[in-house]
N, C-alpha and C. Protein backbone atom coordinates (compact mmCIF):
# COMPACT_ATOMS: atom_id res chain seq x y z
N MET A 1 -12.20 14.32 -7.66
CA MET A 1 -11.38 15.02 -8.82
C MET A 1 -12.15 15.02 -10.02
N THR A 2 -12.62 16.01 -10.76
CA THR A 2 -12.75 16.39 -11.96
C THR A 2 -11.60 16.29 -12.86
N TYR A 3 -12.11 15.81 -14.83
CA TYR A 3 -11.36 16.69 -15.44
C TYR A 3 -12.45 16.98 -16.19
N PRO A 4 -11.43 17.98 -17.32
CA PRO A 4 -12.61 18.40 -18.21
C PRO A 4 -12.39 18.26 -19.51
N THR A 5 -11.57 16.97 -19.84
CA THR A 5 -12.40 15.99 -20.63
C THR A 5 -12.02 14.18 -19.84
N THR A 6 -12.29 13.41 -21.08
CA THR A 6 -12.06 12.15 -20.43
C THR A 6 -10.65 11.53 -20.54
N THR A 7 -9.49 12.77 -20.77
CA THR A 7 -8.44 11.93 -20.63
C THR A 7 -8.17 11.92 -19.11
N SER A 8 -7.18 10.88 -18.84
CA SER A 8 -6.71 10.32 -17.77
C SER A 8 -5.13 10.27 -17.81
N TRP A 9 -4.82 10.79 -16.70
CA TRP A 9 -3.08 10.74 -16.42
C TRP A 9 -2.72 9.92 -15.48
N GLN A 10 -1.41 9.28 -15.74
CA GLN A 10 -0.75 8.24 -14.82
C GLN A 10 0.71 8.30 -14.94
N THR A 11 1.69 7.88 -14.00
CA THR A 11 2.53 7.84 -13.89
C THR A 11 3.10 6.92 -12.80
N THR A 12 4.35 6.40 -13.04
CA THR A 12 4.92 5.63 -11.77
C THR A 12 6.23 6.02 -10.70
N VAL A 13 6.37 6.33 -10.04
CA VAL A 13 7.44 6.84 -9.10
C VAL A 13 7.75 5.68 -8.25
N SER A 14 8.70 5.84 -7.92
CA SER A 14 9.43 5.13 -6.85
C SER A 14 9.26 5.80 -5.18
N LEU A 15 9.20 4.32 -4.66
CA LEU A 15 8.36 4.67 -3.04
C LEU A 15 9.96 4.13 -2.26
N ILE A 16 9.79 4.98 -1.15
CA ILE A 16 11.18 4.19 0.10
C ILE A 16 10.37 3.66 0.80
N LEU A 17 10.68 3.43 1.49
CA LEU A 17 10.81 2.68 3.29
C LEU A 17 10.37 3.43 3.66
N GLY A 18 8.84 3.43 4.23
CA GLY A 18 8.04 4.91 5.29
C GLY A 18 7.40 5.45 4.80
N SER A 19 7.40 7.28 5.06
CA SER A 19 6.57 8.01 4.44
C SER A 19 6.69 8.59 2.93
N ASN A 20 6.12 8.62 2.16
CA ASN A 20 6.53 9.05 0.79
C ASN A 20 5.19 10.69 0.56
N THR A 21 6.00 11.73 0.42
CA THR A 21 4.94 12.59 0.24
C THR A 21 4.78 13.36 -0.99
N LEU A 22 3.87 13.26 -1.87
CA LEU A 22 3.66 13.44 -3.32
C LEU A 22 3.10 14.79 -3.43
N SER A 23 3.54 15.50 -4.14
CA SER A 23 2.61 16.49 -4.30
C SER A 23 1.70 16.53 -6.08
N ILE A 24 0.70 16.91 -6.33
CA ILE A 24 0.13 16.47 -7.50
C ILE A 24 -0.84 17.86 -7.77
N TYR A 25 -0.25 18.26 -9.72
CA TYR A 25 -1.10 19.34 -9.65
C TYR A 25 -1.66 19.43 -11.63
N GLY A 26 -1.93 19.64 -11.94
CA GLY A 26 -2.05 19.80 -13.32
C GLY A 26 -1.13 20.65 -14.59
N LYS A 27 -1.40 20.57 -15.45
CA LYS A 27 -0.84 21.66 -16.18
C LYS A 27 -0.81 21.56 -17.94
N ASP A 28 -1.37 23.03 -18.12
CA ASP A 28 -2.12 22.67 -20.05
C ASP A 28 -1.00 23.04 -20.84
N ALA A 29 -1.14 22.56 -22.12
CA ALA A 29 -0.26 22.99 -23.05
C ALA A 29 0.26 24.41 -23.00
N ALA A 30 -1.10 25.40 -22.60
CA ALA A 30 -0.06 27.15 -22.30
C ALA A 30 0.49 26.76 -21.09
N GLY A 31 0.42 25.98 -20.29
CA GLY A 31 1.51 26.46 -19.09
C GLY A 31 0.68 26.77 -17.89
N ASN A 32 -0.45 26.90 -18.17
CA ASN A 32 -1.36 27.00 -17.18
C ASN A 32 -1.10 26.16 -16.08
N GLN A 33 -1.06 26.29 -14.37
CA GLN A 33 -1.10 24.90 -13.68
C GLN A 33 -2.39 25.27 -12.46
N THR A 34 -2.62 24.05 -12.25
CA THR A 34 -3.67 24.37 -11.11
C THR A 34 -3.26 23.93 -9.40
N GLY A 35 -4.18 24.40 -9.08
CA GLY A 35 -3.08 24.34 -7.65
C GLY A 35 -2.73 22.78 -7.32
N THR A 36 -2.21 23.18 -6.17
CA THR A 36 -1.13 22.13 -5.92
C THR A 36 -1.67 20.98 -5.11
N THR A 37 -2.40 19.68 -4.95
CA THR A 37 -2.57 18.61 -3.89
C THR A 37 -2.09 18.00 -3.30
N THR A 38 -1.16 17.64 -1.99
CA THR A 38 -0.30 16.90 -1.33
C THR A 38 -1.20 15.68 -0.84
N THR A 39 -0.27 14.54 -1.24
CA THR A 39 0.01 13.69 0.02
C THR A 39 0.59 12.56 0.24
N SER A 40 0.39 11.71 1.54
CA SER A 40 1.43 11.27 2.09
C SER A 40 0.87 9.49 1.67
N ILE A 41 2.19 8.85 1.09
CA ILE A 41 1.76 7.07 1.04
C ILE A 41 2.80 6.68 2.13
N LEU A 42 2.36 5.67 2.74
CA LEU A 42 2.83 5.24 3.66
C LEU A 42 3.61 3.42 3.37
N ARG A 43 4.91 3.49 3.12
CA ARG A 43 5.26 2.24 2.11
C ARG A 43 5.78 0.93 3.35
N HIS A 44 5.25 0.24 3.67
CA HIS A 44 5.75 -1.01 4.72
C HIS A 44 6.86 -1.60 3.97
N LYS A 45 7.60 -2.38 4.63
CA LYS A 45 8.16 -3.67 4.36
C LYS A 45 7.16 -4.43 4.10
N LEU A 46 7.68 -5.45 3.20
CA LEU A 46 6.76 -6.92 3.13
C LEU A 46 6.33 -7.20 4.24
N SER A 47 5.41 -8.05 4.87
CA SER A 47 5.29 -8.55 6.10
C SER A 47 5.01 -7.58 7.33
N ASP A 48 5.48 -6.51 7.31
CA ASP A 48 5.61 -5.14 8.44
C ASP A 48 3.95 -4.92 8.33
N ILE A 49 2.94 -5.85 8.82
CA ILE A 49 1.64 -5.14 8.80
C ILE A 49 1.04 -4.28 9.67
N ASN A 50 2.05 -4.15 10.97
CA ASN A 50 1.81 -2.40 11.66
C ASN A 50 2.54 -1.54 11.09
N GLY A 51 3.62 -1.71 10.16
CA GLY A 51 4.36 -0.49 9.67
C GLY A 51 5.28 -0.03 11.05
N ASP A 52 6.22 -1.17 11.82
CA ASP A 52 7.08 -0.22 12.96
C ASP A 52 8.08 -1.21 12.41
N GLY A 53 8.92 -0.88 11.21
CA GLY A 53 9.61 -1.31 10.91
C GLY A 53 10.36 -2.88 11.48
N VAL A 54 9.80 -4.01 12.25
CA VAL A 54 10.09 -5.32 12.14
C VAL A 54 9.30 -6.04 12.11
N ILE A 55 9.32 -7.30 11.76
CA ILE A 55 8.12 -8.31 11.55
C ILE A 55 8.15 -9.15 12.45
N ASP A 56 6.95 -9.18 13.16
CA ASP A 56 7.59 -9.98 14.84
C ASP A 56 6.29 -9.80 15.08
N LEU A 57 5.91 -10.66 16.50
CA LEU A 57 4.30 -11.58 16.75
C LEU A 57 3.42 -10.23 16.40
N THR A 58 3.70 -9.17 16.82
CA THR A 58 2.61 -7.80 16.71
C THR A 58 1.94 -8.77 15.21
N ASP A 59 2.70 -8.28 14.36
CA ASP A 59 2.59 -8.22 12.89
C ASP A 59 1.92 -9.98 12.72
N LEU A 60 2.24 -10.90 13.12
CA LEU A 60 1.56 -12.49 12.89
C LEU A 60 0.35 -12.55 13.44
N SER A 61 0.14 -11.79 15.32
CA SER A 61 -1.35 -11.17 15.41
C SER A 61 -2.31 -10.47 14.48
N LEU A 62 -1.88 -10.17 14.11
CA LEU A 62 -2.58 -8.81 13.01
C LEU A 62 -2.78 -9.86 11.90
N PHE A 63 -1.66 -10.70 11.08
CA PHE A 63 -1.61 -11.78 10.18
C PHE A 63 -2.97 -13.07 10.59
N GLY A 64 -2.73 -13.41 11.87
CA GLY A 64 -3.45 -14.60 12.54
C GLY A 64 -5.22 -13.70 12.46
N ALA A 65 -5.55 -12.93 12.51
CA ALA A 65 -6.75 -12.33 12.45
C ALA A 65 -7.61 -11.80 11.41
N ASP A 66 -6.77 -12.73 10.56
CA ASP A 66 -7.32 -12.09 9.14
C ASP A 66 -7.23 -13.40 7.87
N TRP A 67 -6.82 -14.46 8.90
CA TRP A 67 -6.43 -15.72 7.93
C TRP A 67 -7.57 -16.46 7.96
N GLN A 68 -7.64 -16.99 6.42
CA GLN A 68 -8.83 -17.51 5.86
C GLN A 68 -9.75 -16.66 5.16
N LYS A 69 -9.14 -15.26 5.58
CA LYS A 69 -10.45 -14.20 5.26
C LYS A 69 -10.39 -13.80 3.70
N THR A 70 -11.60 -13.33 3.02
CA THR A 70 -11.05 -12.78 1.69
C THR A 70 -11.07 -11.13 1.75
N ALA A 71 -10.57 -10.54 0.41
CA ALA A 71 -10.34 -9.50 0.40
C ALA A 71 -11.31 -8.64 1.09
N GLY A 72 -13.11 -8.64 0.89
CA GLY A 72 -14.06 -7.58 1.16
C GLY A 72 -14.33 -8.01 2.79
N SER A 73 -12.86 -8.92 3.92
CA SER A 73 -13.68 -9.38 4.98
C SER A 73 -12.18 -8.60 5.81
N LEU A 74 -11.15 -8.48 5.20
CA LEU A 74 -9.79 -8.18 5.61
C LEU A 74 -10.01 -7.39 7.15
N ALA A 75 -9.62 -7.51 8.00
CA ALA A 75 -8.95 -6.50 8.96
C ALA A 75 -8.15 -5.46 8.89
N ASN A 76 -7.01 -5.72 7.97
CA ASN A 76 -6.08 -5.30 7.13
C ASN A 76 -5.46 -6.06 6.07
N PRO A 77 -5.87 -5.46 4.82
CA PRO A 77 -5.15 -5.79 3.52
C PRO A 77 -4.04 -6.28 3.14
N LEU A 78 -2.84 -5.69 4.13
CA LEU A 78 -1.88 -6.11 4.31
C LEU A 78 -1.10 -7.30 4.41
N SER A 79 -2.05 -7.93 5.17
CA SER A 79 -2.52 -9.63 5.46
C SER A 79 -2.53 -10.59 4.31
N ASP A 80 -2.81 -9.94 3.04
CA ASP A 80 -2.93 -10.65 1.67
C ASP A 80 -1.87 -10.32 1.27
N MET A 81 -0.84 -10.91 1.40
CA MET A 81 0.66 -10.34 0.53
C MET A 81 0.70 -10.62 -0.90
N ASN A 82 -0.27 -11.71 -1.47
CA ASN A 82 0.16 -11.93 -2.87
C ASN A 82 -0.58 -11.57 -3.69
N ASN A 83 -1.46 -10.56 -2.89
CA ASN A 83 -3.30 -10.10 -3.38
C ASN A 83 -3.49 -11.03 -4.42
N ASP A 84 -3.74 -11.71 -3.41
CA ASP A 84 -4.33 -13.00 -4.48
C ASP A 84 -6.52 -12.93 -3.66
N GLY A 85 -6.31 -12.18 -3.11
CA GLY A 85 -7.82 -11.98 -2.66
C GLY A 85 -8.25 -13.14 -1.18
N VAL A 86 -7.14 -13.69 -0.53
CA VAL A 86 -7.30 -14.31 0.49
C VAL A 86 -6.20 -14.49 1.30
N VAL A 87 -6.46 -14.51 2.29
CA VAL A 87 -5.07 -14.76 3.57
C VAL A 87 -5.04 -16.71 3.84
N ASP A 88 -4.26 -17.04 3.10
CA ASP A 88 -3.64 -18.69 3.52
C ASP A 88 -2.34 -18.79 3.21
N LEU A 89 -1.93 -19.81 2.97
CA LEU A 89 -0.64 -20.76 3.25
C LEU A 89 -0.11 -19.98 2.38
N THR A 90 0.18 -19.42 1.40
CA THR A 90 1.05 -18.54 0.57
C THR A 90 1.24 -17.48 1.18
N ASP A 91 0.48 -17.12 1.57
CA ASP A 91 0.56 -15.55 2.59
C ASP A 91 1.41 -16.12 3.70
N PHE A 92 0.86 -17.00 4.34
CA PHE A 92 1.70 -17.31 5.41
C PHE A 92 3.42 -17.58 5.30
N SER A 93 3.96 -18.60 4.10
CA SER A 93 4.97 -18.74 3.68
C SER A 93 5.81 -17.36 3.45
N ILE A 94 5.05 -16.49 2.99
CA ILE A 94 5.93 -14.93 2.95
C ILE A 94 5.75 -14.60 3.94
N PHE A 95 4.97 -14.86 5.21
CA PHE A 95 5.44 -14.30 6.37
C PHE A 95 6.48 -14.60 7.04
N ALA A 96 6.49 -16.01 6.78
CA ALA A 96 7.53 -16.72 7.69
C ALA A 96 8.73 -16.60 7.36
N LYS A 97 8.89 -16.59 5.88
CA LYS A 97 10.47 -15.91 5.12
C LYS A 97 10.55 -14.45 5.99
N GLN A 98 9.80 -14.09 6.11
CA GLN A 98 10.37 -12.12 6.37
C GLN A 98 10.53 -12.31 7.62
N TYR A 99 9.61 -13.31 8.49
CA TYR A 99 10.01 -13.32 10.17
C TYR A 99 11.42 -12.84 10.30
N GLY A 100 11.50 -11.74 11.49
CA GLY A 100 12.65 -11.37 12.41
C GLY A 100 13.43 -10.68 11.41
N GLN A 101 13.14 -9.83 10.84
CA GLN A 101 14.15 -8.77 9.74
C GLN A 101 13.17 -7.44 10.07
C-alpha cells in the first residue's frame, strides 16, 4: 500500500472471538473513495494456540514445541502469551490458568 503523503491512519476496533472481516478504504476531503480491500482477522482465546475454541493437550503440545524459544524462532507466535519475546514459565502459568476452558 502506498500513500500520497507521509500521513498515516490508524483506528482501534473491537474483535470478537473467531473470524472478523474488515473492509478498508480511503476517502479524501472531497468525498472521493478508493477501492475497498477486505481482510479477515482470526481472534483466538488466550492459550488456544490452534484456534479450535478449546484449550487442551493439542495446545499444550504446540506450546511445548516452542518452549524456551525466542520470538524469531517460534513455530507459533501465540505460544508467547505475554509478548515478552520468549516462551517461559510466565507463559506456562498463563496457559495453566486457562487450561480446560
